[in-house]
């Protein structure tokens, strides 16, 4: 599979820095015709090689954040 072909791409990410200085990625992926906005954070709780280096989360718009369940870890550093 040639990952350089445009038709094989399922999304894109942009690197950003939060107000607290933490780097993260934001973007979207398209699978099965559905586009999902995501954010990617470095796993600050990694203790072994079996733990992931990064965590991928569905992005929740700021106006919906009050209705979302409370999450753990570094997700609270979202600047949006």
PDB file of N, CA and C in Angstrom:
ATOM      1  N   UNK A   1       0.848  -1.181   0.000  1.00  0.00           N
ATOM      2  CA  UNK A   1       0.000   0.000   0.000  1.00  0.00           C
ATOM      3  C   UNK A   1       0.888   1.237   0.000  1.00  0.00           C
ATOM      4  N   UNK A   2       0.595   2.148  -0.871  1.00  0.00           N
ATOM      5  CA  UNK A   2       1.371   3.391  -0.970  1.00  0.00           C
ATOM      6  C   UNK A   2       0.698   4.469  -0.123  1.00  0.00           C
ATOM      7  N   UNK A   3       1.283   4.763   1.029  1.00  0.00           N
ATOM      8  CA  UNK A   3       0.693   5.739   1.950  1.00  0.00           C
ATOM      9  C   UNK A   3       0.900   7.172   1.494  1.00  0.00           C
ATOM     10  N   UNK A   4       1.629   7.379   0.437  1.00  0.00           N
ATOM     11  CA  UNK A   4       1.815   8.723  -0.096  1.00  0.00           C
ATOM     12  C   UNK A   4       0.700   9.132  -1.044  1.00  0.00           C
ATOM     13  N   UNK A   5      -0.120   8.177  -1.463  1.00  0.00           N
ATOM     14  CA  UNK A   5      -1.235   8.511  -2.350  1.00  0.00           C
ATOM     15  C   UNK A   5      -2.322   9.223  -1.558  1.00  0.00           C
ATOM     16  N   UNK A   6      -2.878  10.264  -2.147  1.00  0.00           N
ATOM     17  CA  UNK A   6      -3.914  11.048  -1.478  1.00  0.00           C
ATOM     18  C   UNK A   6      -5.152  10.206  -1.167  1.00  0.00           C
ATOM     19  N   UNK A   7      -5.509   9.268  -2.032  1.00  0.00           N
ATOM     20  CA  UNK A   7      -6.729   8.499  -1.824  1.00  0.00           C
ATOM     21  C   UNK A   7      -6.600   7.463  -0.705  1.00  0.00           C
ATOM     22  N   UNK A   8      -5.404   7.231  -0.183  1.00  0.00           N
ATOM     23  CA  UNK A   8      -5.255   6.293   0.922  1.00  0.00           C
ATOM     24  C   UNK A   8      -5.219   7.012   2.274  1.00  0.00           C
ATOM     25  N   UNK A   9      -5.264   8.330   2.269  1.00  0.00           N
ATOM     26  CA  UNK A   9      -5.246   9.098   3.506  1.00  0.00           C
ATOM     27  C   UNK A   9      -6.606   9.022   4.192  1.00  0.00           C
ATOM     28  N   UNK A  10      -6.592   8.849   5.524  1.00  0.00           N
ATOM     29  CA  UNK A  10      -7.851   8.825   6.279  1.00  0.00           C
ATOM     30  C   UNK A  10      -7.988  10.031   7.196  1.00  0.00           C
ATOM     31  N   UNK A  11      -7.005  10.926   7.173  1.00  0.00           N
ATOM     32  CA  UNK A  11      -7.109  12.099   8.026  1.00  0.00           C
ATOM     33  C   UNK A  11      -5.814  12.867   8.117  1.00  0.00           C
ATOM     34  N   UNK A  12      -5.813  13.833   9.026  1.00  0.00           N
ATOM     35  CA  UNK A  12      -4.638  14.683   9.214  1.00  0.00           C
ATOM     36  C   UNK A  12      -4.633  15.223  10.636  1.00  0.00           C
ATOM     37  N   UNK A  13      -3.422  15.547  11.121  1.00  0.00           N
ATOM     38  CA  UNK A  13      -3.253  16.106  12.465  1.00  0.00           C
ATOM     39  C   UNK A  13      -2.405  17.359  12.400  1.00  0.00           C
ATOM     40  N   UNK A  14      -2.691  18.277  13.318  1.00  0.00           N
ATOM     41  CA  UNK A  14      -1.903  19.499  13.461  1.00  0.00           C
ATOM     42  C   UNK A  14      -1.372  19.549  14.882  1.00  0.00           C
ATOM     43  N   UNK A  15      -0.105  19.907  15.029  1.00  0.00           N
ATOM     44  CA  UNK A  15       0.480  20.026  16.352  1.00  0.00           C
ATOM     45  C   UNK A  15       0.151  21.388  16.938  1.00  0.00           C
ATOM     46  N   UNK A  16      -0.245  21.398  18.192  1.00  0.00           N
ATOM     47  CA  UNK A  16      -0.599  22.638  18.885  1.00  0.00           C
ATOM     48  C   UNK A  16       0.043  22.633  20.264  1.00  0.00           C
ATOM     49  N   UNK A  17       0.028  23.776  20.919  1.00  0.00           N
ATOM     50  CA  UNK A  17       0.527  23.893  22.287  1.00  0.00           C
ATOM     51  C   UNK A  17      -0.560  24.545  23.132  1.00  0.00           C
ATOM     52  N   UNK A  18      -0.850  23.932  24.270  1.00  0.00           N
ATOM     53  CA  UNK A  18      -1.894  24.451  25.161  1.00  0.00           C
ATOM     54  C   UNK A  18      -1.395  25.683  25.895  1.00  0.00           C
ATOM     55  N   UNK A  19      -2.292  26.351  26.580  1.00  0.00           N
ATOM     56  CA  UNK A  19      -1.939  27.509  27.383  1.00  0.00           C
ATOM     57  C   UNK A  19      -0.943  27.171  28.490  1.00  0.00           C
ATOM     58  N   UNK A  20      -0.920  25.897  28.902  1.00  0.00           N
ATOM     59  CA  UNK A  20       0.012  25.444  29.932  1.00  0.00           C
ATOM     60  C   UNK A  20       1.337  24.971  29.344  1.00  0.00           C
ATOM     61  N   UNK A  21       1.465  25.068  28.014  1.00  0.00           N
ATOM     62  CA  UNK A  21       2.725  24.693  27.364  1.00  0.00           C
ATOM     63  C   UNK A  21       2.829  23.235  26.961  1.00  0.00           C
ATOM     64  N   UNK A  22       1.749  22.465  27.080  1.00  0.00           N
ATOM     65  CA  UNK A  22       1.768  21.051  26.689  1.00  0.00           C
ATOM     66  C   UNK A  22       1.444  20.912  25.198  1.00  0.00           C
ATOM     67  N   UNK A  23       2.234  20.096  24.511  1.00  0.00           N
ATOM     68  CA  UNK A  23       1.995  19.857  23.080  1.00  0.00           C
ATOM     69  C   UNK A  23       0.962  18.753  22.906  1.00  0.00           C
ATOM     70  N   UNK A  24       0.123  18.889  21.879  1.00  0.00           N
ATOM     71  CA  UNK A  24      -0.870  17.885  21.540  1.00  0.00           C
ATOM     72  C   UNK A  24      -1.195  18.024  20.059  1.00  0.00           C
ATOM     73  N   UNK A  25      -1.955  17.096  19.535  1.00  0.00           N
ATOM     74  CA  UNK A  25      -2.354  17.116  18.130  1.00  0.00           C
ATOM     75  C   UNK A  25      -3.867  17.185  18.045  1.00  0.00           C
ATOM     76  N   UNK A  26      -4.365  17.865  17.036  1.00  0.00           N
ATOM     77  CA  UNK A  26      -5.794  17.937  16.782  1.00  0.00           C
ATOM     78  C   UNK A  26      -6.021  17.718  15.289  1.00  0.00           C
ATOM     79  N   UNK A  27      -7.143  17.114  14.954  1.00  0.00           N
ATOM     80  CA  UNK A  27      -7.431  16.852  13.549  1.00  0.00           C
ATOM     81  C   UNK A  27      -8.683  16.019  13.411  1.00  0.00           C
ATOM     82  N   UNK A  28      -8.753  15.297  12.312  1.00  0.00           N
ATOM     83  CA  UNK A  28      -9.913  14.444  12.078  1.00  0.00           C
ATOM     84  C   UNK A  28      -9.491  13.224  11.280  1.00  0.00           C
ATOM     85  N   UNK A  29     -10.303  12.165  11.425  1.00  0.00           N
ATOM     86  CA  UNK A  29     -10.097  10.951  10.642  1.00  0.00           C
ATOM     87  C   UNK A  29     -11.419  10.595   9.968  1.00  0.00           C
ATOM     88  N   UNK A  30     -11.302   9.934   8.831  1.00  0.00           N
ATOM     89  CA  UNK A  30     -12.493   9.526   8.084  1.00  0.00           C
ATOM     90  C   UNK A  30     -12.418   8.016   7.878  1.00  0.00           C
ATOM     91  N   UNK A  31     -13.391   7.311   8.461  1.00  0.00           N
ATOM     92  CA  UNK A  31     -13.465   5.861   8.325  1.00  0.00           C
ATOM     93  C   UNK A  31     -14.891   5.490   7.948  1.00  0.00           C
ATOM     94  N   UNK A  32     -15.019   4.728   6.879  1.00  0.00           N
ATOM     95  CA  UNK A  32     -16.345   4.310   6.436  1.00  0.00           C
ATOM     96  C   UNK A  32     -17.240   5.471   6.053  1.00  0.00           C
ATOM     97  N   UNK A  33     -16.647   6.562   5.566  1.00  0.00           N
ATOM     98  CA  UNK A  33     -17.414   7.718   5.141  1.00  0.00           C
ATOM     99  C   UNK A  33     -17.781   8.675   6.264  1.00  0.00           C
ATOM    100  N   UNK A  34     -17.477   8.324   7.517  1.00  0.00           N
ATOM    101  CA  UNK A  34     -17.802   9.192   8.650  1.00  0.00           C
ATOM    102  C   UNK A  34     -16.547   9.916   9.138  1.00  0.00           C
ATOM    103  N   UNK A  35     -16.645  11.234   9.300  1.00  0.00           N
ATOM    104  CA  UNK A  35     -15.535  12.044   9.782  1.00  0.00           C
ATOM    105  C   UNK A  35     -15.682  12.251  11.284  1.00  0.00           C
ATOM    106  N   UNK A  36     -14.610  11.995  12.023  1.00  0.00           N
ATOM    107  CA  UNK A  36     -14.596  12.166  13.469  1.00  0.00           C
ATOM    108  C   UNK A  36     -13.434  13.075  13.848  1.00  0.00           C
ATOM    109  N   UNK A  37     -13.719  14.131  14.608  1.00  0.00           N
ATOM    110  CA  UNK A  37     -12.672  15.018  15.089  1.00  0.00           C
ATOM    111  C   UNK A  37     -12.013  14.375  16.300  1.00  0.00           C
ATOM    112  N   UNK A  38     -10.673  14.442  16.345  1.00  0.00           N
ATOM    113  CA  UNK A  38      -9.935  13.803  17.423  1.00  0.00           C
ATOM    114  C   UNK A  38      -8.874  14.737  17.999  1.00  0.00           C
ATOM    115  N   UNK A  39      -8.404  14.399  19.197  1.00  0.00           N
ATOM    116  CA  UNK A  39      -7.239  15.025  19.807  1.00  0.00           C
ATOM    117  C   UNK A  39      -6.322  13.899  20.264  1.00  0.00           C
ATOM    118  N   UNK A  40      -5.012  14.162  20.246  1.00  0.00           N
ATOM    119  CA  UNK A  40      -4.022  13.159  20.615  1.00  0.00           C
ATOM    120  C   UNK A  40      -3.091  13.765  21.651  1.00  0.00           C
ATOM    121  N   UNK A  41      -2.965  13.072  22.790  1.00  0.00           N
ATOM    122  CA  UNK A  41      -2.113  13.533  23.880  1.00  0.00           C
ATOM    123  C   UNK A  41      -1.020  12.519  24.164  1.00  0.00           C
ATOM    124  N   UNK A  42       0.149  12.995  24.554  1.00  0.00           N
ATOM    125  CA  UNK A  42       1.205  12.117  25.030  1.00  0.00           C
ATOM    126  C   UNK A  42       0.715  11.481  26.329  1.00  0.00           C
ATOM    127  N   UNK A  43       0.983  10.187  26.498  1.00  0.00           N
ATOM    128  CA  UNK A  43       0.578   9.466  27.695  1.00  0.00           C
ATOM    129  C   UNK A  43       1.546   9.801  28.829  1.00  0.00           C
ATOM    130  N   UNK A  44       1.140  10.696  29.708  1.00  0.00           N
ATOM    131  CA  UNK A  44       2.011  11.113  30.809  1.00  0.00           C
ATOM    132  C   UNK A  44       2.049  10.072  31.921  1.00  0.00           C
ATOM    133  N   UNK A  45       1.214   9.032  31.821  1.00  0.00           N
ATOM    134  CA  UNK A  45       1.180   7.965  32.824  1.00  0.00           C
ATOM    135  C   UNK A  45       1.866   6.685  32.358  1.00  0.00           C
ATOM    136  N   UNK A  46       2.636   6.741  31.270  1.00  0.00           N
ATOM    137  CA  UNK A  46       3.303   5.555  30.736  1.00  0.00           C
ATOM    138  C   UNK A  46       4.348   5.064  31.726  1.00  0.00           C
ATOM    139  N   UNK A  47       4.233   3.777  32.097  1.00  0.00           N
ATOM    140  CA  UNK A  47       5.182   3.201  33.037  1.00  0.00           C
ATOM    141  C   UNK A  47       5.926   2.002  32.450  1.00  0.00           C
ATOM    142  N   UNK A  48       5.351   1.349  31.451  1.00  0.00           N
ATOM    143  CA  UNK A  48       5.995   0.202  30.813  1.00  0.00           C
ATOM    144  C   UNK A  48       5.867   0.322  29.299  1.00  0.00           C
ATOM    145  N   UNK A  49       6.626  -0.497  28.572  1.00  0.00           N
ATOM    146  CA  UNK A  49       6.557  -0.504  27.114  1.00  0.00           C
ATOM    147  C   UNK A  49       5.196  -0.965  26.594  1.00  0.00           C
ATOM    148  N   UNK A  50       4.424  -1.628  27.425  1.00  0.00           N
ATOM    149  CA  UNK A  50       3.095  -2.090  27.011  1.00  0.00           C
ATOM    150  C   UNK A  50       2.076  -0.962  27.041  1.00  0.00           C
ATOM    151  N   UNK A  51       2.363   0.123  27.737  1.00  0.00           N
ATOM    152  CA  UNK A  51       1.470   1.281  27.763  1.00  0.00           C
ATOM    153  C   UNK A  51       1.680   2.095  26.494  1.00  0.00           C
ATOM    154  N   UNK A  52       0.611   2.683  25.946  1.00  0.00           N
ATOM    155  CA  UNK A  52       0.766   3.466  24.707  1.00  0.00           C
ATOM    156  C   UNK A  52       1.556   4.750  24.941  1.00  0.00           C
ATOM    157  N   UNK A  53       2.212   5.216  23.895  1.00  0.00           N
ATOM    158  CA  UNK A  53       2.939   6.486  23.952  1.00  0.00           C
ATOM    159  C   UNK A  53       1.987   7.669  23.869  1.00  0.00           C
ATOM    160  N   UNK A  54       0.880   7.496  23.134  1.00  0.00           N
ATOM    161  CA  UNK A  54      -0.099   8.558  22.937  1.00  0.00           C
ATOM    162  C   UNK A  54      -1.504   8.002  23.130  1.00  0.00           C
ATOM    163  N   UNK A  55      -2.431   8.852  23.563  1.00  0.00           N
ATOM    164  CA  UNK A  55      -3.841   8.501  23.695  1.00  0.00           C
ATOM    165  C   UNK A  55      -4.644   9.331  22.689  1.00  0.00           C
ATOM    166  N   UNK A  56      -5.579   8.677  22.002  1.00  0.00           N
ATOM    167  CA  UNK A  56      -6.435   9.324  21.011  1.00  0.00           C
ATOM    168  C   UNK A  56      -7.843   9.424  21.586  1.00  0.00           C
ATOM    169  N   UNK A  57      -8.393  10.632  21.548  1.00  0.00           N
ATOM    170  CA  UNK A  57      -9.728  10.873  22.087  1.00  0.00           C
ATOM    171  C   UNK A  57     -10.601  11.567  21.043  1.00  0.00           C
ATOM    172  N   UNK A  58     -11.902  11.325  21.117  1.00  0.00           N
ATOM    173  CA  UNK A  58     -12.836  12.065  20.280  1.00  0.00           C
ATOM    174  C   UNK A  58     -12.900  13.481  20.835  1.00  0.00           C
ATOM    175  N   UNK A  59     -12.803  14.460  19.970  1.00  0.00           N
ATOM    176  CA  UNK A  59     -12.833  15.860  20.383  1.00  0.00           C
ATOM    177  C   UNK A  59     -14.259  16.269  20.717  1.00  0.00           C
ATOM    178  N   UNK A  60     -14.429  16.864  21.895  1.00  0.00           N
ATOM    179  CA  UNK A  60     -15.741  17.341  22.323  1.00  0.00           C
ATOM    180  C   UNK A  60     -15.739  18.865  22.217  1.00  0.00           C
ATOM    181  N   UNK A  61     -16.638  19.446  21.406  1.00  0.00           N
ATOM    182  CA  UNK A  61     -16.683  20.903  21.283  1.00  0.00           C
ATOM    183  C   UNK A  61     -16.874  21.571  22.643  1.00  0.00           C
ATOM    184  N   UNK A  62     -16.314  22.751  22.805  1.00  0.00           N
ATOM    185  CA  UNK A  62     -16.349  23.459  24.085  1.00  0.00           C
ATOM    186  C   UNK A  62     -17.764  23.614  24.613  1.00  0.00           C
ATOM    187  N   UNK A  63     -18.735  23.902  23.761  1.00  0.00           N
ATOM    188  CA  UNK A  63     -20.104  24.097  24.229  1.00  0.00           C
ATOM    189  C   UNK A  63     -20.734  22.807  24.737  1.00  0.00           C
ATOM    190  N   UNK A  64     -20.154  21.646  24.400  1.00  0.00           N
ATOM    191  CA  UNK A  64     -20.658  20.367  24.887  1.00  0.00           C
ATOM    192  C   UNK A  64     -19.847  19.852  26.072  1.00  0.00           C
ATOM    193  N   UNK A  65     -18.780  20.532  26.432  1.00  0.00           N
ATOM    194  CA  UNK A  65     -17.879  20.040  27.477  1.00  0.00           C
ATOM    195  C   UNK A  65     -18.578  19.905  28.817  1.00  0.00           C
ATOM    196  N   UNK A  66     -19.502  20.796  29.134  1.00  0.00           N
ATOM    197  CA  UNK A  66     -20.208  20.719  30.406  1.00  0.00           C
ATOM    198  C   UNK A  66     -21.101  19.481  30.492  1.00  0.00           C
ATOM    199  N   UNK A  67     -21.516  18.986  29.338  1.00  0.00           N
ATOM    200  CA  UNK A  67     -22.387  17.811  29.325  1.00  0.00           C
ATOM    201  C   UNK A  67     -21.606  16.512  29.257  1.00  0.00           C
ATOM    202  N   UNK A  68     -20.305  16.590  28.972  1.00  0.00           N
ATOM    203  CA  UNK A  68     -19.482  15.391  28.824  1.00  0.00           C
ATOM    204  C   UNK A  68     -19.121  14.817  30.190  1.00  0.00           C
ATOM    205  N   UNK A  69     -18.864  13.513  30.201  1.00  0.00           N
ATOM    206  CA  UNK A  69     -18.410  12.891  31.437  1.00  0.00           C
ATOM    207  C   UNK A  69     -17.023  13.402  31.770  1.00  0.00           C
ATOM    208  N   UNK A  70     -16.709  13.444  33.049  1.00  0.00           N
ATOM    209  CA  UNK A  70     -15.382  13.853  33.483  1.00  0.00           C
ATOM    210  C   UNK A  70     -14.391  12.788  33.053  1.00  0.00           C
ATOM    211  N   UNK A  71     -13.257  13.233  32.500  1.00  0.00           N
ATOM    212  CA  UNK A  71     -12.224  12.299  32.076  1.00  0.00           C
ATOM    213  C   UNK A  71     -11.009  12.465  32.955  1.00  0.00           C
ATOM    214  N   UNK A  72     -10.126  11.480  32.899  1.00  0.00           N
ATOM    215  CA  UNK A  72      -8.955  11.499  33.767  1.00  0.00           C
ATOM    216  C   UNK A  72      -7.730  11.980  33.011  1.00  0.00           C
ATOM    217  N   UNK A  73      -6.691  12.299  33.743  1.00  0.00           N
ATOM    218  CA  UNK A  73      -5.384  12.578  33.169  1.00  0.00           C
ATOM    219  C   UNK A  73      -5.274  13.918  32.491  1.00  0.00           C
ATOM    220  N   UNK A  74      -4.473  13.944  31.433  1.00  0.00           N
ATOM    221  CA  UNK A  74      -4.095  15.193  30.785  1.00  0.00           C
ATOM    222  C   UNK A  74      -5.149  15.753  29.842  1.00  0.00           C
ATOM    223  N   UNK A  75      -6.299  15.117  29.698  1.00  0.00           N
ATOM    224  CA  UNK A  75      -7.335  15.644  28.822  1.00  0.00           C
ATOM    225  C   UNK A  75      -7.859  16.978  29.297  1.00  0.00           C
ATOM    226  N   UNK A  76      -7.729  17.292  30.599  1.00  0.00           N
ATOM    227  CA  UNK A  76      -8.247  18.539  31.132  1.00  0.00           C
ATOM    228  C   UNK A  76      -7.481  19.757  30.625  1.00  0.00           C
ATOM    229  N   UNK A  77      -6.396  19.535  29.893  1.00  0.00           N
ATOM    230  CA  UNK A  77      -5.575  20.629  29.404  1.00  0.00           C
ATOM    231  C   UNK A  77      -6.013  21.125  28.032  1.00  0.00           C
ATOM    232  N   UNK A  78      -7.181  20.711  27.576  1.00  0.00           N
ATOM    233  CA  UNK A  78      -7.676  21.131  26.261  1.00  0.00           C
ATOM    234  C   UNK A  78      -7.876  22.636  26.223  1.00  0.00           C
ATOM    235  N   UNK A  79      -7.337  23.297  25.204  1.00  0.00           N
ATOM    236  CA  UNK A  79      -7.505  24.750  25.096  1.00  0.00           C
ATOM    237  C   UNK A  79      -8.785  25.149  24.394  1.00  0.00           C
ATOM    238  N   UNK A  80      -9.649  24.213  24.028  1.00  0.00           N
ATOM    239  CA  UNK A  80     -10.879  24.538  23.332  1.00  0.00           C
ATOM    240  C   UNK A  80     -12.063  23.857  23.949  1.00  0.00           C
TER     241      UNK A  80
END
